[in-house]
Amino acid sequence: FIAPLILVLIGTVKARHPFDIFHWNSKDFEECLHVNNITISEYEK
């Protein structure tokens, strides 16, 4: 009885991050990284 409840709760909870606001466009995203001298791996970290 408890396991399905836990799975439902985990499925409905979404982690928030400050950058969740962005509607990513890969071209713009990559250009912004390039202009600011940031690599993809640096950004991911």
All heavy atoms as atom14 arrays in JSON, in Angstrom:
{
  "sequence": "FIAPLILVLIGTVKARHPFDIFHWNSKDFEECLHVNNITISEYEK",
  "atom14_mask": [
    [1, 1, 1, 1, 1, 1, 1, 1, 1, 1, 1, 0, 0, 0],
    [1, 1, 1, 1, 1, 1, 1, 1, 0, 0, 0, 0, 0, 0],
    [1, 1, 1, 1, 1, 0, 0, 0, 0, 0, 0, 0, 0, 0],
    [1, 1, 1, 1, 1, 1, 1, 0, 0, 0, 0, 0, 0, 0],
    [1, 1, 1, 1, 1, 1, 1, 1, 0, 0, 0, 0, 0, 0],
    [1, 1, 1, 1, 1, 1, 1, 1, 0, 0, 0, 0, 0, 0],
    [1, 1, 1, 1, 1, 1, 1, 1, 0, 0, 0, 0, 0, 0],
    [1, 1, 1, 1, 1, 1, 1, 0, 0, 0, 0, 0, 0, 0],
    [1, 1, 1, 1, 1, 1, 1, 1, 0, 0, 0, 0, 0, 0],
    [1, 1, 1, 1, 1, 1, 1, 1, 0, 0, 0, 0, 0, 0],
    [1, 1, 1, 1, 0, 0, 0, 0, 0, 0, 0, 0, 0, 0],
    [1, 1, 1, 1, 1, 1, 1, 0, 0, 0, 0, 0, 0, 0],
    [1, 1, 1, 1, 1, 1, 1, 0, 0, 0, 0, 0, 0, 0],
    [1, 1, 1, 1, 1, 1, 1, 1, 1, 0, 0, 0, 0, 0],
    [1, 1, 1, 1, 1, 0, 0, 0, 0, 0, 0, 0, 0, 0],
    [1, 1, 1, 1, 1, 1, 1, 1, 1, 1, 1, 0, 0, 0],
    [1, 1, 1, 1, 1, 1, 1, 1, 1, 1, 0, 0, 0, 0],
    [1, 1, 1, 1, 1, 1, 1, 0, 0, 0, 0, 0, 0, 0],
    [1, 1, 1, 1, 1, 1, 1, 1, 1, 1, 1, 0, 0, 0],
    [1, 1, 1, 1, 1, 1, 1, 1, 0, 0, 0, 0, 0, 0],
    [1, 1, 1, 1, 1, 1, 1, 1, 0, 0, 0, 0, 0, 0],
    [1, 1, 1, 1, 1, 1, 1, 1, 1, 1, 1, 0, 0, 0],
    [1, 1, 1, 1, 1, 1, 1, 1, 1, 1, 0, 0, 0, 0],
    [1, 1, 1, 1, 1, 1, 1, 1, 1, 1, 1, 1, 1, 1],
    [1, 1, 1, 1, 1, 1, 1, 1, 0, 0, 0, 0, 0, 0],
    [1, 1, 1, 1, 1, 1, 0, 0, 0, 0, 0, 0, 0, 0],
    [1, 1, 1, 1, 1, 1, 1, 1, 1, 0, 0, 0, 0, 0],
    [1, 1, 1, 1, 1, 1, 1, 1, 0, 0, 0, 0, 0, 0],
    [1, 1, 1, 1, 1, 1, 1, 1, 1, 1, 1, 0, 0, 0],
    [1, 1, 1, 1, 1, 1, 1, 1, 1, 0, 0, 0, 0, 0],
    [1, 1, 1, 1, 1, 1, 1, 1, 1, 0, 0, 0, 0, 0],
    [1, 1, 1, 1, 1, 1, 0, 0, 0, 0, 0, 0, 0, 0],
    [1, 1, 1, 1, 1, 1, 1, 1, 0, 0, 0, 0, 0, 0],
    [1, 1, 1, 1, 1, 1, 1, 1, 1, 1, 0, 0, 0, 0],
    [1, 1, 1, 1, 1, 1, 1, 0, 0, 0, 0, 0, 0, 0],
    [1, 1, 1, 1, 1, 1, 1, 1, 0, 0, 0, 0, 0, 0],
    [1, 1, 1, 1, 1, 1, 1, 1, 0, 0, 0, 0, 0, 0],
    [1, 1, 1, 1, 1, 1, 1, 1, 0, 0, 0, 0, 0, 0],
    [1, 1, 1, 1, 1, 1, 1, 0, 0, 0, 0, 0, 0, 0],
    [1, 1, 1, 1, 1, 1, 1, 1, 0, 0, 0, 0, 0, 0],
    [1, 1, 1, 1, 1, 1, 0, 0, 0, 0, 0, 0, 0, 0],
    [1, 1, 1, 1, 1, 1, 1, 1, 1, 0, 0, 0, 0, 0],
    [1, 1, 1, 1, 1, 1, 1, 1, 1, 1, 1, 1, 0, 0],
    [1, 1, 1, 1, 1, 1, 1, 1, 1, 0, 0, 0, 0, 0],
    [1, 1, 1, 1, 1, 1, 1, 1, 1, 0, 0, 0, 0, 0]
  ],
  "atom14_positions": [
    [[0.8, -1.22, 0.0], [0.0, 0.0, 0.0], [0.84, 1.27, 0.0], [0.46, 2.27, -0.58], [-0.95, 0.02, 1.21], [-2.01, -1.04, 1.13], [-1.95, -2.16, 1.93], [-3.05, -0.93, 0.22], [-2.92, -3.14, 1.85], [-4.02, -1.91, 0.12], [-3.96, -3.02, 0.94], [0.0, 0.0, 0.0], [0.0, 0.0, 0.0], [0.0, 0.0, 0.0]],
    [[1.98, 1.25, 0.64], [2.81, 2.45, 0.78], [3.65, 2.7, -0.48], [3.8, 3.84, -0.9], [3.71, 2.34, 2.02], [2.82, 2.38, 3.27], [4.71, 3.47, 2.07], [3.56, 2.13, 4.56], [0.0, 0.0, 0.0], [0.0, 0.0, 0.0], [0.0, 0.0, 0.0], [0.0, 0.0, 0.0], [0.0, 0.0, 0.0], [0.0, 0.0, 0.0]],
    [[4.18, 1.66, -1.1], [5.06, 1.82, -2.26], [4.39, 2.6, -3.4], [4.98, 3.53, -3.93], [5.57, 0.47, -2.74], [0.0, 0.0, 0.0], [0.0, 0.0, 0.0], [0.0, 0.0, 0.0], [0.0, 0.0, 0.0], [0.0, 0.0, 0.0], [0.0, 0.0, 0.0], [0.0, 0.0, 0.0], [0.0, 0.0, 0.0], [0.0, 0.0, 0.0]],
    [[3.13, 2.26, -3.79], [2.5, 3.06, -4.86], [2.31, 4.52, -4.47], [2.46, 5.41, -5.3], [1.16, 2.37, -5.07], [1.34, 0.99, -4.55], [2.32, 1.1, -3.43], [0.0, 0.0, 0.0], [0.0, 0.0, 0.0], [0.0, 0.0, 0.0], [0.0, 0.0, 0.0], [0.0, 0.0, 0.0], [0.0, 0.0, 0.0], [0.0, 0.0, 0.0]],
    [[2.0, 4.76, -3.2], [1.83, 6.13, -2.74], [3.14, 6.91, -2.86], [3.16, 8.04, -3.34], [1.34, 6.15, -1.29], [1.18, 7.53, -0.66], [0.14, 8.34, -1.43], [0.79, 7.4, 0.8], [0.0, 0.0, 0.0], [0.0, 0.0, 0.0], [0.0, 0.0, 0.0], [0.0, 0.0, 0.0], [0.0, 0.0, 0.0], [0.0, 0.0, 0.0]],
    [[4.22, 6.29, -2.48], [5.54, 6.93, -2.59], [5.87, 7.22, -4.05], [6.34, 8.31, -4.39], [6.63, 6.07, -1.93], [6.42, 6.05, -0.41], [8.03, 6.58, -2.29], [7.3, 5.07, 0.32], [0.0, 0.0, 0.0], [0.0, 0.0, 0.0], [0.0, 0.0, 0.0], [0.0, 0.0, 0.0], [0.0, 0.0, 0.0], [0.0, 0.0, 0.0]],
    [[5.6, 6.29, -4.94], [5.87, 6.49, -6.36], [5.05, 7.64, -6.93], [5.53, 8.44, -7.72], [5.62, 5.21, -7.15], [6.62, 4.08, -6.91], [6.18, 2.82, -7.63], [8.01, 4.49, -7.37], [0.0, 0.0, 0.0], [0.0, 0.0, 0.0], [0.0, 0.0, 0.0], [0.0, 0.0, 0.0], [0.0, 0.0, 0.0], [0.0, 0.0, 0.0]],
    [[3.78, 7.73, -6.52], [2.94, 8.83, -6.98], [3.49, 10.16, -6.49], [3.58, 11.13, -7.24], [1.47, 8.63, -6.51], [0.66, 9.9, -6.72], [0.85, 7.47, -7.26], [0.0, 0.0, 0.0], [0.0, 0.0, 0.0], [0.0, 0.0, 0.0], [0.0, 0.0, 0.0], [0.0, 0.0, 0.0], [0.0, 0.0, 0.0], [0.0, 0.0, 0.0]],
    [[3.88, 10.22, -5.23], [4.42, 11.46, -4.68], [5.72, 11.86, -5.37], [5.92, 13.03, -5.7], [4.65, 11.32, -3.17], [3.39, 11.25, -2.32], [3.75, 10.97, -0.87], [2.58, 12.52, -2.44], [0.0, 0.0, 0.0], [0.0, 0.0, 0.0], [0.0, 0.0, 0.0], [0.0, 0.0, 0.0], [0.0, 0.0, 0.0], [0.0, 0.0, 0.0]],
    [[6.58, 10.9, -5.62], [7.84, 11.2, -6.31], [7.56, 11.69, -7.72], [8.18, 12.62, -8.2], [8.76, 9.95, -6.34], [9.28, 9.68, -4.93], [9.91, 10.15, -7.32], [10.05, 8.38, -4.8], [0.0, 0.0, 0.0], [0.0, 0.0, 0.0], [0.0, 0.0, 0.0], [0.0, 0.0, 0.0], [0.0, 0.0, 0.0], [0.0, 0.0, 0.0]],
    [[6.58, 11.1, -8.39], [6.24, 11.51, -9.75], [5.66, 12.9, -9.84], [5.81, 13.58, -10.84], [0.0, 0.0, 0.0], [0.0, 0.0, 0.0], [0.0, 0.0, 0.0], [0.0, 0.0, 0.0], [0.0, 0.0, 0.0], [0.0, 0.0, 0.0], [0.0, 0.0, 0.0], [0.0, 0.0, 0.0], [0.0, 0.0, 0.0], [0.0, 0.0, 0.0]],
    [[4.96, 13.33, -8.78], [4.33, 14.64, -8.83], [5.24, 15.76, -8.35], [5.0, 16.92, -8.65], [3.03, 14.67, -8.0], [3.34, 14.34, -6.64], [2.0, 13.71, -8.56], [0.0, 0.0, 0.0], [0.0, 0.0, 0.0], [0.0, 0.0, 0.0], [0.0, 0.0, 0.0], [0.0, 0.0, 0.0], [0.0, 0.0, 0.0], [0.0, 0.0, 0.0]],
    [[6.27, 15.42, -7.6], [7.18, 16.45, -7.1], [8.23, 16.74, -8.16], [8.88, 15.84, -8.66], [7.88, 15.98, -5.8], [8.94, 16.96, -5.37], [6.85, 15.78, -4.71], [0.0, 0.0, 0.0], [0.0, 0.0, 0.0], [0.0, 0.0, 0.0], [0.0, 0.0, 0.0], [0.0, 0.0, 0.0], [0.0, 0.0, 0.0], [0.0, 0.0, 0.0]],
    [[8.36, 18.01, -8.51], [9.38, 18.4, -9.49], [10.39, 19.28, -8.78], [10.02, 20.19, -8.05], [8.75, 19.18, -10.64], [7.89, 18.37, -11.54], [7.43, 19.21, -12.68], [6.6, 18.4, -13.65], [6.12, 19.21, -14.75], [0.0, 0.0, 0.0], [0.0, 0.0, 0.0], [0.0, 0.0, 0.0], [0.0, 0.0, 0.0], [0.0, 0.0, 0.0]],
    [[11.63, 19.02, -9.02], [12.67, 19.86, -8.45], [12.65, 21.19, -9.2], [12.41, 21.23, -10.39], [14.02, 19.18, -8.58], [0.0, 0.0, 0.0], [0.0, 0.0, 0.0], [0.0, 0.0, 0.0], [0.0, 0.0, 0.0], [0.0, 0.0, 0.0], [0.0, 0.0, 0.0], [0.0, 0.0, 0.0], [0.0, 0.0, 0.0], [0.0, 0.0, 0.0]],
    [[12.89, 22.25, -8.48], [12.94, 23.57, -9.1], [14.38, 24.03, -9.17], [15.19, 23.7, -8.32], [12.14, 24.57, -8.27], [10.65, 24.36, -8.41], [9.92, 25.57, -8.01], [10.58, 26.73, -8.62], [10.14, 27.96, -8.59], [9.04, 28.22, -8.0], [10.78, 28.96, -9.14], [0.0, 0.0, 0.0], [0.0, 0.0, 0.0], [0.0, 0.0, 0.0]],
    [[14.65, 24.77, -10.18], [15.96, 25.36, -10.39], [15.74, 26.76, -10.92], [14.8, 26.99, -11.69], [16.76, 24.51, -11.39], [18.2, 24.87, -11.46], [18.65, 25.98, -12.14], [19.29, 24.29, -10.9], [19.97, 26.04, -12.02], [20.37, 25.05, -11.26], [0.0, 0.0, 0.0], [0.0, 0.0, 0.0], [0.0, 0.0, 0.0], [0.0, 0.0, 0.0]],
    [[16.59, 27.73, -10.55], [16.39, 29.1, -11.04], [16.31, 29.21, -12.56], [15.64, 30.1, -13.08], [17.6, 29.85, -10.51], [18.05, 29.07, -9.33], [17.71, 27.64, -9.64], [0.0, 0.0, 0.0], [0.0, 0.0, 0.0], [0.0, 0.0, 0.0], [0.0, 0.0, 0.0], [0.0, 0.0, 0.0], [0.0, 0.0, 0.0], [0.0, 0.0, 0.0]],
    [[16.99, 28.32, -13.27], [17.03, 28.43, -14.72], [15.88, 27.71, -15.41], [15.84, 27.63, -16.64], [18.37, 27.93, -15.25], [19.56, 28.63, -14.63], [20.78, 28.02, -14.6], [19.45, 29.9, -14.07], [21.88, 28.65, -14.02], [20.52, 30.53, -13.49], [21.75, 29.91, -13.46], [0.0, 0.0, 0.0], [0.0, 0.0, 0.0], [0.0, 0.0, 0.0]],
    [[14.93, 27.18, -14.62], [13.74, 26.54, -15.21], [12.9, 27.53, -16.01], [12.03, 27.12, -16.77], [12.87, 25.91, -14.12], [13.46, 24.63, -13.55], [14.42, 24.09, -14.15], [12.96, 24.18, -12.51], [0.0, 0.0, 0.0], [0.0, 0.0, 0.0], [0.0, 0.0, 0.0], [0.0, 0.0, 0.0], [0.0, 0.0, 0.0], [0.0, 0.0, 0.0]],
    [[13.11, 28.8, -15.83], [12.31, 29.83, -16.53], [12.59, 29.87, -18.02], [11.76, 30.31, -18.79], [12.57, 31.24, -15.94], [14.02, 31.64, -16.15], [12.12, 31.31, -14.52], [14.24, 33.14, -16.12], [0.0, 0.0, 0.0], [0.0, 0.0, 0.0], [0.0, 0.0, 0.0], [0.0, 0.0, 0.0], [0.0, 0.0, 0.0], [0.0, 0.0, 0.0]],
    [[13.78, 29.44, -18.42], [14.17, 29.61, -19.81], [13.5, 28.6, -20.72], [13.33, 27.45, -20.38], [15.69, 29.49, -19.96], [16.43, 30.6, -19.27], [17.26, 30.32, -18.2], [16.29, 31.91, -19.68], [17.94, 31.34, -17.55], [16.97, 32.94, -19.04], [17.79, 32.65, -17.97], [0.0, 0.0, 0.0], [0.0, 0.0, 0.0], [0.0, 0.0, 0.0]],
    [[13.12, 29.08, -21.89], [12.58, 28.23, -22.95], [13.74, 28.06, -23.93], [13.91, 28.86, -24.84], [11.38, 28.92, -23.61], [10.31, 29.26, -22.63], [10.27, 30.44, -21.94], [9.26, 28.53, -22.19], [9.24, 30.44, -21.13], [8.6, 29.3, -21.26], [0.0, 0.0, 0.0], [0.0, 0.0, 0.0], [0.0, 0.0, 0.0], [0.0, 0.0, 0.0]],
    [[14.56, 27.07, -23.67], [15.85, 26.92, -24.36], [15.7, 26.79, -25.87], [14.95, 25.99, -26.38], [16.6, 25.7, -23.83], [16.92, 25.78, -22.38], [16.39, 25.01, -21.39], [17.81, 26.68, -21.73], [16.9, 25.38, -20.18], [17.77, 26.4, -20.35], [18.64, 27.71, -22.17], [18.54, 27.09, -19.42], [19.39, 28.39, -21.23], [19.34, 28.08, -19.9]],
    [[16.46, 27.57, -26.54], [16.65, 27.49, -27.97], [18.13, 27.14, -28.1], [18.98, 27.93, -27.69], [16.31, 28.84, -28.6], [16.76, 28.97, -30.04], [17.85, 28.53, -30.42], [15.93, 29.59, -30.83], [0.0, 0.0, 0.0], [0.0, 0.0, 0.0], [0.0, 0.0, 0.0], [0.0, 0.0, 0.0], [0.0, 0.0, 0.0], [0.0, 0.0, 0.0]],
    [[18.44, 25.99, -28.64], [19.83, 25.53, -28.62], [20.79, 26.5, -29.31], [21.91, 26.7, -28.85], [19.95, 24.13, -29.22], [19.56, 24.15, -30.57], [0.0, 0.0, 0.0], [0.0, 0.0, 0.0], [0.0, 0.0, 0.0], [0.0, 0.0, 0.0], [0.0, 0.0, 0.0], [0.0, 0.0, 0.0], [0.0, 0.0, 0.0], [0.0, 0.0, 0.0]],
    [[20.37, 27.13, -30.38], [21.24, 28.07, -31.08], [21.57, 29.27, -30.17], [22.74, 29.63, -30.01], [20.58, 28.55, -32.37], [21.41, 29.52, -33.18], [20.67, 29.91, -34.47], [21.47, 30.89, -35.28], [21.14, 32.27, -34.98], [0.0, 0.0, 0.0], [0.0, 0.0, 0.0], [0.0, 0.0, 0.0], [0.0, 0.0, 0.0], [0.0, 0.0, 0.0]],
    [[20.54, 29.86, -29.58], [20.76, 31.0, -28.68], [21.57, 30.59, -27.46], [22.46, 31.31, -27.01], [19.43, 31.61, -28.23], [18.74, 32.37, -29.34], [19.41, 32.75, -30.32], [17.52, 32.59, -29.23], [0.0, 0.0, 0.0], [0.0, 0.0, 0.0], [0.0, 0.0, 0.0], [0.0, 0.0, 0.0], [0.0, 0.0, 0.0], [0.0, 0.0, 0.0]],
    [[21.23, 29.44, -26.91], [21.94, 28.94, -25.73], [23.44, 28.81, -26.02], [24.27, 29.32, -25.27], [21.35, 27.59, -25.31], [22.08, 26.92, -24.19], [21.95, 27.39, -22.89], [22.88, 25.82, -24.43], [22.62, 26.78, -21.85], [23.56, 25.2, -23.4], [23.43, 25.67, -22.1], [0.0, 0.0, 0.0], [0.0, 0.0, 0.0], [0.0, 0.0, 0.0]],
    [[23.78, 28.17, -27.13], [25.18, 27.97, -27.5], [25.87, 29.3, -27.81], [27.04, 29.5, -27.45], [25.29, 27.0, -28.67], [24.94, 25.58, -28.26], [24.89, 24.62, -29.43], [25.35, 24.97, -30.54], [24.39, 23.5, -29.23], [0.0, 0.0, 0.0], [0.0, 0.0, 0.0], [0.0, 0.0, 0.0], [0.0, 0.0, 0.0], [0.0, 0.0, 0.0]],
    [[25.16, 30.22, -28.47], [25.75, 31.53, -28.76], [26.04, 32.3, -27.48], [27.08, 32.95, -27.36], [24.83, 32.35, -29.67], [24.86, 31.89, -31.1], [23.91, 32.67, -32.0], [23.34, 33.69, -31.56], [23.74, 32.25, -33.16], [0.0, 0.0, 0.0], [0.0, 0.0, 0.0], [0.0, 0.0, 0.0], [0.0, 0.0, 0.0], [0.0, 0.0, 0.0]],
    [[25.12, 32.24, -26.51], [25.35, 32.93, -25.24], [26.55, 32.34, -24.51], [27.35, 33.08, -23.94], [24.1, 32.85, -24.36], [22.75, 33.93, -24.9], [0.0, 0.0, 0.0], [0.0, 0.0, 0.0], [0.0, 0.0, 0.0], [0.0, 0.0, 0.0], [0.0, 0.0, 0.0], [0.0, 0.0, 0.0], [0.0, 0.0, 0.0], [0.0, 0.0, 0.0]],
    [[26.67, 31.02, -24.55], [27.85, 30.4, -23.93], [29.12, 30.87, -24.62], [30.1, 31.26, -23.96], [27.75, 28.87, -24.0], [26.71, 28.19, -23.12], [26.74, 26.69, -23.35], [26.91, 28.52, -21.66], [0.0, 0.0, 0.0], [0.0, 0.0, 0.0], [0.0, 0.0, 0.0], [0.0, 0.0, 0.0], [0.0, 0.0, 0.0], [0.0, 0.0, 0.0]],
    [[29.1, 30.87, -25.95], [30.28, 31.26, -26.73], [30.67, 32.72, -26.45], [31.85, 33.02, -26.2], [30.03, 31.04, -28.21], [31.17, 31.44, -29.08], [32.33, 30.7, -29.18], [31.34, 32.53, -29.87], [33.16, 31.32, -30.0], [32.59, 32.43, -30.43], [0.0, 0.0, 0.0], [0.0, 0.0, 0.0], [0.0, 0.0, 0.0], [0.0, 0.0, 0.0]],
    [[29.7, 33.6, -26.48], [29.95, 35.03, -26.25], [30.57, 35.27, -24.87], [31.4, 36.16, -24.7], [28.63, 35.84, -26.4], [28.75, 37.24, -25.84], [28.2, 35.88, -27.85], [0.0, 0.0, 0.0], [0.0, 0.0, 0.0], [0.0, 0.0, 0.0], [0.0, 0.0, 0.0], [0.0, 0.0, 0.0], [0.0, 0.0, 0.0], [0.0, 0.0, 0.0]],
    [[30.18, 34.44, -23.92], [30.67, 34.6, -22.54], [31.81, 33.66, -22.2], [32.19, 33.54, -21.03], [29.5, 34.45, -21.56], [28.56, 35.6, -21.69], [28.89, 36.72, -21.33], [27.37, 35.35, -22.24], [0.0, 0.0, 0.0], [0.0, 0.0, 0.0], [0.0, 0.0, 0.0], [0.0, 0.0, 0.0], [0.0, 0.0, 0.0], [0.0, 0.0, 0.0]],
    [[32.39, 33.02, -23.24], [33.55, 32.15, -23.08], [33.32, 31.05, -22.03], [34.13, 30.85, -21.13], [34.78, 32.99, -22.72], [36.07, 32.25, -22.95], [36.13, 31.34, -23.78], [37.1, 32.6, -22.2], [0.0, 0.0, 0.0], [0.0, 0.0, 0.0], [0.0, 0.0, 0.0], [0.0, 0.0, 0.0], [0.0, 0.0, 0.0], [0.0, 0.0, 0.0]],
    [[32.18, 30.36, -22.17], [31.82, 29.27, -21.27], [31.63, 28.02, -22.12], [30.9, 28.05, -23.12], [30.51, 29.58, -20.5], [30.68, 30.85, -19.67], [30.1, 28.41, -19.62], [29.37, 31.37, -19.08], [0.0, 0.0, 0.0], [0.0, 0.0, 0.0], [0.0, 0.0, 0.0], [0.0, 0.0, 0.0], [0.0, 0.0, 0.0], [0.0, 0.0, 0.0]],
    [[32.26, 26.93, -21.74], [32.07, 25.67, -22.45], [30.8, 24.99, -21.92], [30.33, 25.3, -20.82], [33.26, 24.72, -22.26], [33.32, 24.33, -20.88], [34.57, 25.37, -22.69], [0.0, 0.0, 0.0], [0.0, 0.0, 0.0], [0.0, 0.0, 0.0], [0.0, 0.0, 0.0], [0.0, 0.0, 0.0], [0.0, 0.0, 0.0], [0.0, 0.0, 0.0]],
    [[30.31, 24.05, -22.7], [29.13, 23.28, -22.27], [29.43, 22.57, -20.96], [28.6, 22.59, -20.04], [28.73, 22.24, -23.36], [28.27, 22.93, -24.63], [27.67, 21.29, -22.83], [26.87, 23.48, -24.61], [0.0, 0.0, 0.0], [0.0, 0.0, 0.0], [0.0, 0.0, 0.0], [0.0, 0.0, 0.0], [0.0, 0.0, 0.0], [0.0, 0.0, 0.0]],
    [[30.59, 21.95, -20.84], [30.9, 21.22, -19.6], [31.02, 22.17, -18.41], [30.59, 21.82, -17.31], [32.16, 20.37, -19.77], [33.28, 21.19, -20.0], [0.0, 0.0, 0.0], [0.0, 0.0, 0.0], [0.0, 0.0, 0.0], [0.0, 0.0, 0.0], [0.0, 0.0, 0.0], [0.0, 0.0, 0.0], [0.0, 0.0, 0.0], [0.0, 0.0, 0.0]],
    [[31.55, 23.36, -18.61], [31.6, 24.34, -17.52], [30.19, 24.73, -17.1], [29.89, 24.82, -15.91], [32.37, 25.6, -17.94], [33.86, 25.43, -18.04], [34.55, 26.67, -18.6], [34.0, 27.31, -19.54], [35.63, 27.01, -18.09], [0.0, 0.0, 0.0], [0.0, 0.0, 0.0], [0.0, 0.0, 0.0], [0.0, 0.0, 0.0], [0.0, 0.0, 0.0]],
    [[29.34, 24.97, -18.08], [27.97, 25.35, -17.78], [27.24, 24.24, -17.04], [26.54, 24.49, -16.06], [27.2, 25.71, -19.06], [25.79, 26.13, -18.74], [25.51, 27.43, -18.34], [24.75, 25.21, -18.8], [24.22, 27.81, -18.01], [23.46, 25.59, -18.48], [23.2, 26.89, -18.08], [21.93, 27.25, -17.75], [0.0, 0.0, 0.0], [0.0, 0.0, 0.0]],
    [[27.4, 23.01, -17.5], [26.73, 21.88, -16.86], [27.16, 21.75, -15.4], [26.36, 21.44, -14.53], [27.0, 20.59, -17.62], [26.25, 20.53, -18.94], [26.64, 19.35, -19.81], [27.66, 18.68, -19.51], [25.94, 19.11, -20.8], [0.0, 0.0, 0.0], [0.0, 0.0, 0.0], [0.0, 0.0, 0.0], [0.0, 0.0, 0.0], [0.0, 0.0, 0.0]],
    [[28.45, 21.97, -15.15], [28.96, 21.88, -13.79], [28.37, 23.0, -12.93], [28.0, 22.8, -11.78], [30.49, 21.99, -13.8], [31.15, 21.47, -12.54], [32.65, 21.67, -12.5], [33.39, 21.01, -13.61], [34.85, 21.13, -13.46], [0.0, 0.0, 0.0], [0.0, 0.0, 0.0], [0.0, 0.0, 0.0], [0.0, 0.0, 0.0], [0.0, 0.0, 0.0]]
  ]
}
